[in-house]
Amino acid sequence: MPTAGSNTFLRPDEFLAGPGCYAHEHGRAASHLQLLDTDLDQMGEVLRALLAERVGASAEQWRRSVLHNLRVLTSSDKALLVIWSPHGRLVYGDQVGQELLHSYTTRFADSDRCRRAVREFGLEVWNLRQLWQPGELERSLYYRSFAGPNGLNDTVGVTLLFPHASTELCMAFHRSRPGPISEIERRRELLRLLLEPLRAAFRVDSSAVDPLTNLSSLIDICDQGLALYSLDGRLLKHNPAIIRVLSQDPERDAIEAEIQIVAGSALRMLAPRAGVPPPVVDTRRKVSTCQATYYLRGDPVGWNGLGHATAVLVSLTSITFQIPTPDRLRARYGLTVRELQVASLLAHRFTNVEIARELNISPHTARHHTENVLTKLGVRSRAALRALLAGGPSGTSSER
């Protein structure tokens, strides 16, 4: 991104007084830029692109459209857009080949000074001379191995930070051949005029890139125990329901270890190697303690505008078998101990196959027990059975 061109270094407090381009009037910088009809027409195209719908599958097209129109406005030959978020890095190019994009992403993006433009130089709109000391660029590996050979010259760009989504964005626009300083400044000034519309549009877009803020709030109000993990395997949060379950079981550490295993399995499924199909991973797990049996399941969540999952959610359901003595339920309906177990699992929406797996019996036997339970309780459906047990005196099952 920042590449070849003028190497005159300006401090942040000096850049507004660039030679021949800016003057101070009443403490503010006044531009002498003369806008041509073609400039106004193209700025209109940029604004229309910024205001276009960018939900669902069109989000990626929206970013590419904005980048393209800005490249045309700044009379640039090549353009790059990079978005850094907690979930990875997104890179787009306009008039840039896949080989160059791959090289930039894998080898040079982290050494690109565009990320330092705001943090170290105080610049949201910049050109090359404000990011490098005189002669420093030409000696850098970035220029000698990447920018120079790929003809990335006279770079101007925009760098924006969005703390609400922990996201950084940089757009850079390059010329194939170096030109006069006055033309570099003109291209930078065109970007500066659009800074606020760009900031507003990409602020909304950054929220779409990172949907975890809303997701985190949603799981707090869910009655089921949930644990949210980032794509690098970090635990982001436990919701109140899972905290309550874990606090009540003396073998909490064992349950948490199993939750971590399930999260890791789901993450492996989301991160296949290049050219290799996603692995078939079982993201379900059962763990039993002296107090209860827990069923865990990991699922990708937080789908962003690019159709990528941004996190993994592990759900926890606990089943406690409390087989009563031969009293009210057993005496009233004549259920055997096995049928009481089946009734408990049916109340928790288990299928016959799942009941068979849980009780270590065949699916045929599970189906037979299910039919007996429904007949003895005088109901015709599992839903009716659940309603009966929910209001009955059995206490044969509980879900936390």
Protein backbone atom coordinates (compact mmCIF):
# COMPACT_ATOMS: atom_id res chain seq x y z
CA MET A 1 0.00 0.00 0.00
CA PRO A 2 2.22 3.06 0.96
CA THR A 3 4.85 2.81 -1.75
CA ALA A 4 7.08 4.76 -4.08
CA GLY A 5 6.92 8.49 -4.78
CA SER A 6 7.98 11.60 -2.91
CA ASN A 7 9.91 10.94 0.28
CA THR A 8 9.58 14.34 1.95
CA PHE A 9 8.66 13.52 5.56
CA LEU A 10 6.09 15.66 7.36
CA ARG A 11 5.10 15.45 10.99
CA PRO A 12 1.37 15.21 11.76
CA ASP A 13 1.27 18.87 12.77
CA GLU A 14 2.80 19.90 9.43
CA PHE A 15 0.89 17.96 6.82
CA LEU A 16 -1.99 20.44 6.54
CA ALA A 17 0.44 23.08 5.36
CA GLY A 18 1.78 21.09 2.41
CA PRO A 19 3.57 23.20 -0.20
CA GLY A 20 1.20 24.86 -2.65
CA CYS A 21 -1.85 22.83 -1.57
CA TYR A 22 -3.03 24.07 1.82
CA ALA A 23 -3.12 27.34 3.72
CA HIS A 24 -4.34 28.16 7.22
CA GLU A 25 -7.32 30.44 7.56
CA HIS A 26 -8.50 31.19 11.09
CA GLY A 27 -6.77 28.09 12.38
CA ARG A 28 -8.33 25.78 9.79
CA ALA A 29 -6.95 24.34 6.57
CA ALA A 30 -8.50 25.64 3.36
CA SER A 31 -8.19 23.64 0.16
CA HIS A 32 -7.32 25.24 -3.21
CA LEU A 33 -8.46 22.16 -5.10
CA GLN A 34 -10.31 22.94 -8.31
CA LEU A 35 -13.00 20.33 -9.03
CA LEU A 36 -13.65 19.49 -12.66
CA ASP A 37 -16.99 18.32 -14.01
CA THR A 38 -15.57 14.82 -14.31
CA ASP A 39 -14.54 14.96 -10.63
CA LEU A 40 -18.05 15.93 -9.57
CA ASP A 41 -19.59 13.19 -11.71
CA GLN A 42 -17.29 10.54 -10.27
CA MET A 43 -17.81 11.77 -6.69
CA GLY A 44 -21.52 11.24 -7.32
CA GLU A 45 -20.76 7.66 -8.38
CA VAL A 46 -18.78 7.12 -5.18
CA LEU A 47 -21.62 8.47 -3.03
CA ARG A 48 -24.15 6.27 -4.82
CA ALA A 49 -21.93 3.26 -4.20
CA LEU A 50 -21.60 4.16 -0.51
CA LEU A 51 -25.37 4.42 -0.14
CA ALA A 52 -26.09 1.15 -1.96
CA GLU A 53 -27.56 -1.81 -0.10
CA ARG A 54 -24.87 -4.01 1.42
CA VAL A 55 -26.69 -6.79 3.28
CA GLY A 56 -26.32 -10.53 2.82
CA ALA A 57 -24.37 -11.73 -0.20
CA SER A 58 -24.14 -8.18 -1.63
CA ALA A 59 -21.78 -6.99 1.14
CA GLU A 60 -18.68 -8.15 -0.73
CA GLN A 61 -19.93 -6.62 -3.98
CA TRP A 62 -20.56 -3.37 -2.12
CA ARG A 63 -16.95 -3.13 -0.91
CA ARG A 64 -15.63 -3.90 -4.37
CA SER A 65 -17.90 -1.26 -5.91
CA VAL A 66 -16.75 1.41 -3.45
CA LEU A 67 -13.10 0.53 -4.05
CA HIS A 68 -13.53 0.63 -7.84
CA ASN A 69 -15.25 4.01 -7.88
CA LEU A 70 -12.64 5.54 -5.59
CA ARG A 71 -9.88 4.20 -7.84
CA VAL A 72 -11.47 5.89 -10.84
CA LEU A 73 -11.99 9.14 -8.90
CA THR A 74 -8.33 9.28 -7.86
CA SER A 75 -7.09 8.39 -11.37
CA SER A 76 -5.26 5.43 -9.91
CA ASP A 77 -4.15 2.32 -11.75
CA LYS A 78 -4.50 -0.13 -8.86
CA ALA A 79 -6.35 -0.19 -5.55
CA LEU A 80 -6.35 -2.32 -2.42
CA LEU A 81 -8.81 -2.53 0.46
CA VAL A 82 -7.82 -4.33 3.66
CA ILE A 83 -10.04 -4.89 6.70
CA TRP A 84 -8.50 -6.19 9.91
CA SER A 85 -10.93 -7.57 12.51
CA PRO A 86 -10.69 -10.00 15.45
CA HIS A 87 -11.77 -12.74 13.06
CA GLY A 88 -9.08 -12.30 10.46
CA ARG A 89 -8.16 -10.14 7.50
CA LEU A 90 -10.21 -9.39 4.39
CA VAL A 91 -8.36 -8.19 1.29
CA TYR A 92 -9.88 -6.82 -1.93
CA GLY A 93 -8.22 -5.53 -5.08
CA ASP A 94 -9.27 -3.52 -8.10
CA GLN A 95 -7.11 -4.01 -11.21
CA VAL A 96 -4.94 -6.20 -8.99
CA GLY A 97 -4.22 -9.84 -9.82
CA GLN A 98 -4.73 -12.73 -7.44
CA GLU A 99 -1.00 -13.42 -7.26
CA LEU A 100 -0.29 -9.90 -6.02
CA LEU A 101 -3.17 -10.11 -3.52
CA HIS A 102 -1.88 -13.43 -2.22
CA SER A 103 1.66 -12.09 -1.89
CA TYR A 104 0.46 -9.02 -0.04
CA THR A 105 -1.79 -10.99 2.32
CA THR A 106 0.71 -13.69 3.21
CA ARG A 107 3.98 -11.72 3.30
CA PHE A 108 3.64 -7.94 3.41
CA ALA A 109 0.33 -6.81 4.93
CA ASP A 110 1.64 -6.76 8.50
CA SER A 111 4.62 -4.58 7.52
CA ASP A 112 2.49 -2.10 5.60
CA ARG A 113 2.63 1.31 7.25
CA CYS A 114 -0.95 2.16 6.39
CA ARG A 115 -1.95 0.63 9.74
CA ARG A 116 0.32 3.14 11.50
CA ALA A 117 -1.13 6.13 9.66
CA VAL A 118 -3.66 6.99 12.37
CA ARG A 119 -1.98 5.55 15.45
CA GLU A 120 1.50 7.00 14.93
CA PHE A 121 1.10 9.84 12.45
CA GLY A 122 -2.42 11.03 13.24
CA LEU A 123 -3.47 10.72 9.59
CA GLU A 124 -6.72 9.27 8.32
CA VAL A 125 -6.08 10.49 4.77
CA TRP A 126 -2.45 10.29 3.75
CA ASN A 127 0.12 10.01 1.03
CA LEU A 128 3.45 8.27 0.97
CA ARG A 129 5.62 11.14 2.14
CA GLN A 130 3.86 11.26 5.50
CA LEU A 131 4.58 7.64 6.38
CA TRP A 132 8.28 7.24 5.51
CA GLN A 133 11.45 9.12 6.31
CA PRO A 134 13.46 10.30 3.26
CA GLY A 135 15.19 7.33 1.63
CA GLU A 136 13.76 4.86 4.14
CA LEU A 137 11.19 3.34 1.81
CA GLU A 138 13.62 2.38 -0.95
CA ARG A 139 15.76 0.49 1.57
CA SER A 140 12.80 -1.47 2.99
CA LEU A 141 12.07 -5.10 2.17
CA TYR A 142 8.47 -4.07 1.56
CA TYR A 143 9.45 -1.82 -1.35
CA ARG A 144 12.32 -3.88 -2.79
CA SER A 145 10.39 -7.18 -2.76
CA PHE A 146 6.81 -6.08 -3.25
CA ALA A 147 5.87 -2.47 -4.03
CA GLY A 148 8.65 -1.68 -6.49
CA PRO A 149 8.40 -4.85 -8.62
CA ASN A 150 4.61 -4.52 -8.77
CA GLY A 151 4.59 -0.87 -9.85
CA LEU A 152 2.84 0.55 -6.78
CA ASN A 153 3.83 4.23 -6.87
CA ASP A 154 2.51 7.60 -5.67
CA THR A 155 0.26 5.93 -3.13
CA VAL A 156 -2.55 7.82 -1.44
CA GLY A 157 -5.01 6.27 0.96
CA VAL A 158 -7.47 6.29 3.84
CA THR A 159 -7.06 4.52 7.19
CA LEU A 160 -10.00 4.28 9.61
CA LEU A 161 -10.39 2.76 13.06
CA PHE A 162 -13.71 1.44 14.40
CA PRO A 163 -13.26 0.67 18.10
CA HIS A 164 -16.90 -0.48 18.49
CA ALA A 165 -16.09 -3.48 16.28
CA SER A 166 -12.33 -3.73 16.97
CA THR A 167 -11.84 -3.23 13.25
CA GLU A 168 -9.26 -1.35 11.17
CA LEU A 169 -9.70 -0.45 7.52
CA CYS A 170 -7.26 0.80 4.94
CA MET A 171 -7.74 1.69 1.29
CA ALA A 172 -4.73 2.54 -0.87
CA PHE A 173 -4.60 3.80 -4.45
CA HIS A 174 -1.49 3.40 -6.60
CA ARG A 175 -0.09 4.76 -9.84
CA SER A 176 1.98 2.58 -12.15
CA ARG A 177 4.41 5.44 -12.80
CA PRO A 178 5.55 8.21 -10.43
CA GLY A 179 4.21 11.72 -11.08
CA PRO A 180 4.53 15.26 -9.70
CA ILE A 181 3.87 16.05 -6.05
CA SER A 182 0.99 18.36 -7.01
CA GLU A 183 -0.90 15.44 -8.58
CA ILE A 184 -0.34 13.27 -5.51
CA GLU A 185 -1.77 16.02 -3.34
CA ARG A 186 -4.75 16.46 -5.63
CA ARG A 187 -5.60 12.76 -5.40
CA ARG A 188 -5.27 12.84 -1.61
CA GLU A 189 -7.51 15.89 -1.39
CA LEU A 190 -10.24 14.13 -3.38
CA LEU A 191 -10.20 11.37 -0.77
CA ARG A 192 -10.26 13.91 2.06
CA LEU A 193 -13.45 15.47 0.68
CA LEU A 194 -15.15 12.06 0.98
CA LEU A 195 -13.74 11.15 4.39
CA GLU A 196 -16.94 11.58 6.41
CA PRO A 197 -19.19 9.64 3.99
CA LEU A 198 -16.56 6.90 3.93
CA ARG A 199 -16.36 6.82 7.72
CA ALA A 200 -20.16 6.64 8.10
CA ALA A 201 -20.62 3.91 5.48
CA PHE A 202 -17.80 1.69 6.71
CA ARG A 203 -18.85 2.15 10.34
CA VAL A 204 -22.10 0.38 9.41
CA ASP A 205 -20.17 -2.16 7.37
CA SER A 206 -17.77 -2.92 10.22
CA SER A 207 -20.75 -3.85 12.39
CA ALA A 208 -21.82 -6.32 9.68
CA VAL A 209 -18.29 -7.73 9.53
CA ASP A 210 -18.36 -8.31 13.28
CA PRO A 211 -21.82 -9.45 14.45
CA LEU A 212 -20.54 -10.76 17.79
CA THR A 213 -21.61 -7.71 19.78
CA ASN A 214 -25.27 -8.40 19.10
CA LEU A 215 -24.78 -12.15 19.44
CA SER A 216 -23.16 -11.73 22.85
CA SER A 217 -26.19 -9.81 24.09
CA LEU A 218 -28.63 -12.36 22.67
CA ILE A 219 -27.13 -15.39 24.41
CA ASP A 220 -27.41 -13.63 27.78
CA ILE A 221 -31.20 -13.86 27.65
CA CYS A 222 -31.27 -17.51 26.55
CA ASP A 223 -32.39 -20.09 29.12
CA GLN A 224 -30.07 -22.77 27.71
CA GLY A 225 -26.47 -22.96 28.85
CA LEU A 226 -24.20 -21.44 26.16
CA ALA A 227 -20.47 -20.76 25.77
CA LEU A 228 -19.17 -18.49 22.99
CA TYR A 229 -15.70 -19.00 21.48
CA SER A 230 -13.72 -16.87 19.02
CA LEU A 231 -12.14 -18.36 15.90
CA ASP A 232 -8.76 -18.52 17.63
CA GLY A 233 -10.21 -20.73 20.38
CA ARG A 234 -10.55 -18.08 23.09
CA LEU A 235 -13.54 -18.25 25.42
CA LEU A 236 -15.45 -15.02 24.86
CA LYS A 237 -18.17 -15.58 27.45
CA HIS A 238 -20.39 -17.93 29.40
CA ASN A 239 -24.04 -16.93 29.54
CA PRO A 240 -25.83 -16.82 32.95
CA ALA A 241 -27.57 -20.15 32.33
CA ILE A 242 -24.35 -22.12 31.88
CA ILE A 243 -22.72 -20.33 34.81
CA ARG A 244 -25.63 -21.48 36.98
CA VAL A 245 -25.32 -25.10 35.82
CA LEU A 246 -21.56 -25.22 36.30
CA SER A 247 -21.72 -23.66 39.75
CA GLN A 248 -24.08 -26.40 40.94
CA ASP A 249 -21.96 -29.37 39.86
CA PRO A 250 -18.94 -30.37 41.99
CA GLU A 251 -17.22 -31.73 38.86
CA ARG A 252 -17.28 -28.37 37.09
CA ASP A 253 -13.69 -28.62 35.83
CA ALA A 254 -14.44 -31.86 33.96
CA ILE A 255 -17.48 -30.30 32.27
CA GLU A 256 -15.52 -27.21 31.22
CA ALA A 257 -12.78 -29.40 29.75
CA GLU A 258 -15.37 -31.23 27.63
CA ILE A 259 -16.87 -27.92 26.50
CA GLN A 260 -13.43 -26.84 25.31
CA ILE A 261 -13.02 -30.09 23.36
CA VAL A 262 -16.35 -29.56 21.60
CA ALA A 263 -15.40 -25.98 20.72
CA GLY A 264 -12.08 -27.18 19.31
CA SER A 265 -13.84 -29.79 17.16
CA ALA A 266 -16.16 -27.17 15.67
CA LEU A 267 -13.22 -24.85 14.99
CA ARG A 268 -11.34 -27.57 13.11
CA MET A 269 -14.37 -28.02 10.90
CA LEU A 270 -14.36 -24.27 10.10
CA ALA A 271 -10.66 -24.04 9.26
CA PRO A 272 -9.81 -26.56 6.51
CA ARG A 273 -6.45 -26.40 4.78
CA ALA A 274 -6.29 -24.89 1.31
CA GLY A 275 -7.43 -27.38 -1.31
CA VAL A 276 -8.58 -29.89 1.30
CA PRO A 277 -12.32 -30.48 1.89
CA PRO A 278 -13.62 -29.62 5.37
CA PRO A 279 -13.11 -32.59 7.71
CA VAL A 280 -16.10 -34.55 8.97
CA VAL A 281 -16.11 -33.69 12.67
CA ASP A 282 -18.52 -34.81 15.38
CA THR A 283 -19.25 -31.66 17.38
CA ARG A 284 -21.44 -33.46 19.92
CA ARG A 285 -20.26 -34.94 23.18
CA LYS A 286 -21.70 -36.46 26.35
CA VAL A 287 -20.18 -36.14 29.81
CA SER A 288 -21.56 -37.69 32.98
CA THR A 289 -20.86 -36.63 36.54
CA CYS A 290 -22.14 -37.92 39.85
CA GLN A 291 -24.93 -35.36 39.59
CA ALA A 292 -26.12 -35.35 35.99
CA THR A 293 -25.49 -36.25 32.37
CA TYR A 294 -24.64 -33.35 30.06
CA TYR A 295 -25.04 -33.16 26.30
CA LEU A 296 -22.78 -30.71 24.47
CA ARG A 297 -22.97 -29.50 20.91
CA GLY A 298 -20.80 -27.01 18.98
CA ASP A 299 -22.13 -24.93 16.10
CA PRO A 300 -20.71 -22.12 13.93
CA VAL A 301 -22.50 -18.82 14.55
CA GLY A 302 -22.22 -15.09 13.89
CA TRP A 303 -22.49 -15.27 10.10
CA ASN A 304 -21.15 -12.03 8.63
CA GLY A 305 -21.89 -10.26 5.38
CA LEU A 306 -19.38 -12.46 3.57
CA GLY A 307 -21.15 -15.64 4.62
CA HIS A 308 -18.41 -16.64 7.07
CA ALA A 309 -18.98 -17.80 10.63
CA THR A 310 -17.24 -15.53 13.13
CA ALA A 311 -17.51 -17.68 16.27
CA VAL A 312 -18.47 -21.06 17.70
CA LEU A 313 -21.29 -21.55 20.17
CA VAL A 314 -21.31 -24.57 22.48
CA SER A 315 -24.70 -25.45 23.97
CA LEU A 316 -25.13 -27.49 27.14
CA THR A 317 -28.20 -29.48 28.17
CA SER A 318 -28.26 -31.40 31.43
CA ILE A 319 -30.40 -34.46 32.11
CA THR A 320 -30.87 -35.81 35.61
CA PHE A 321 -32.51 -39.20 36.10
CA GLN A 322 -34.48 -39.19 39.31
CA ILE A 323 -36.18 -42.58 39.27
CA PRO A 324 -38.88 -42.35 41.95
CA THR A 325 -39.80 -45.01 44.41
CA PRO A 326 -43.02 -46.86 43.53
CA ASP A 327 -45.29 -44.00 44.48
CA ARG A 328 -47.57 -41.64 42.58
CA LEU A 329 -46.33 -41.88 38.95
CA ARG A 330 -45.24 -45.47 39.09
CA ALA A 331 -48.33 -46.62 40.96
CA ARG A 332 -50.68 -44.59 38.82
CA TYR A 333 -49.36 -45.65 35.40
CA GLY A 334 -47.60 -48.91 36.17
CA LEU A 335 -44.30 -47.86 34.54
CA THR A 336 -41.25 -50.04 34.95
CA VAL A 337 -37.88 -48.52 35.89
CA ARG A 338 -36.80 -48.68 32.23
CA GLU A 339 -40.04 -47.06 31.11
CA LEU A 340 -39.48 -44.26 33.63
CA GLN A 341 -36.08 -43.64 32.02
CA VAL A 342 -37.63 -43.61 28.55
CA ALA A 343 -40.37 -41.22 29.71
CA SER A 344 -37.70 -38.88 31.06
CA LEU A 345 -35.83 -38.87 27.75
CA LEU A 346 -39.04 -38.40 25.77
CA ALA A 347 -39.80 -35.37 27.93
CA HIS A 348 -36.47 -33.93 26.75
CA ARG A 349 -37.35 -34.48 23.08
CA PHE A 350 -35.03 -37.46 22.50
CA THR A 351 -35.69 -39.53 19.38
CA ASN A 352 -35.87 -43.33 19.50
CA VAL A 353 -32.35 -43.54 18.03
CA GLU A 354 -31.03 -41.18 20.71
CA ILE A 355 -32.86 -43.09 23.44
CA ALA A 356 -31.31 -46.32 22.18
CA ARG A 357 -27.85 -44.77 22.26
CA GLU A 358 -28.36 -43.32 25.74
CA LEU A 359 -29.72 -46.51 27.32
CA ASN A 360 -27.48 -48.87 25.32
CA ILE A 361 -30.41 -50.71 23.76
CA SER A 362 -31.46 -51.31 20.16
CA PRO A 363 -33.65 -48.76 18.30
CA HIS A 364 -36.32 -51.47 18.01
CA THR A 365 -36.37 -51.92 21.80
CA ALA A 366 -36.43 -48.16 22.29
CA ARG A 367 -39.43 -47.87 19.99
CA HIS A 368 -41.17 -50.67 21.89
CA HIS A 369 -40.61 -48.91 25.24
CA THR A 370 -41.83 -45.62 23.76
CA GLU A 371 -45.06 -47.22 22.58
CA ASN A 372 -45.59 -48.80 26.01
CA VAL A 373 -45.03 -45.48 27.78
CA LEU A 374 -47.49 -43.64 25.54
CA THR A 375 -50.08 -46.40 26.01
CA LYS A 376 -49.76 -46.56 29.81
CA LEU A 377 -49.95 -42.78 30.15
CA GLY A 378 -52.99 -42.68 27.88
CA VAL A 379 -51.55 -40.21 25.34
CA ARG A 380 -51.11 -40.45 21.58
CA SER A 381 -48.13 -38.22 20.98
CA ARG A 382 -44.82 -37.23 22.49
CA ALA A 383 -46.02 -33.64 22.77
CA ALA A 384 -48.99 -34.80 24.87
CA LEU A 385 -46.63 -36.87 27.02
CA ARG A 386 -44.40 -33.85 27.63
CA ALA A 387 -47.41 -31.75 28.59
CA LEU A 388 -48.61 -34.46 31.00
CA LEU A 389 -45.25 -34.92 32.70
CA ALA A 390 -44.67 -31.17 32.92
CA GLY A 391 -47.80 -30.84 35.01
CA GLY A 392 -47.57 -34.19 36.76
CA PRO A 393 -46.18 -35.14 40.15
CA SER A 394 -43.32 -37.31 38.93
CA GLY A 395 -40.27 -35.07 39.00
CA THR A 396 -38.62 -37.74 36.87
CA SER A 397 -36.53 -35.33 34.85
CA SER A 398 -35.18 -31.84 34.97
CA GLU A 399 -33.48 -29.59 32.49
CA ARG A 400 -31.28 -26.73 33.62
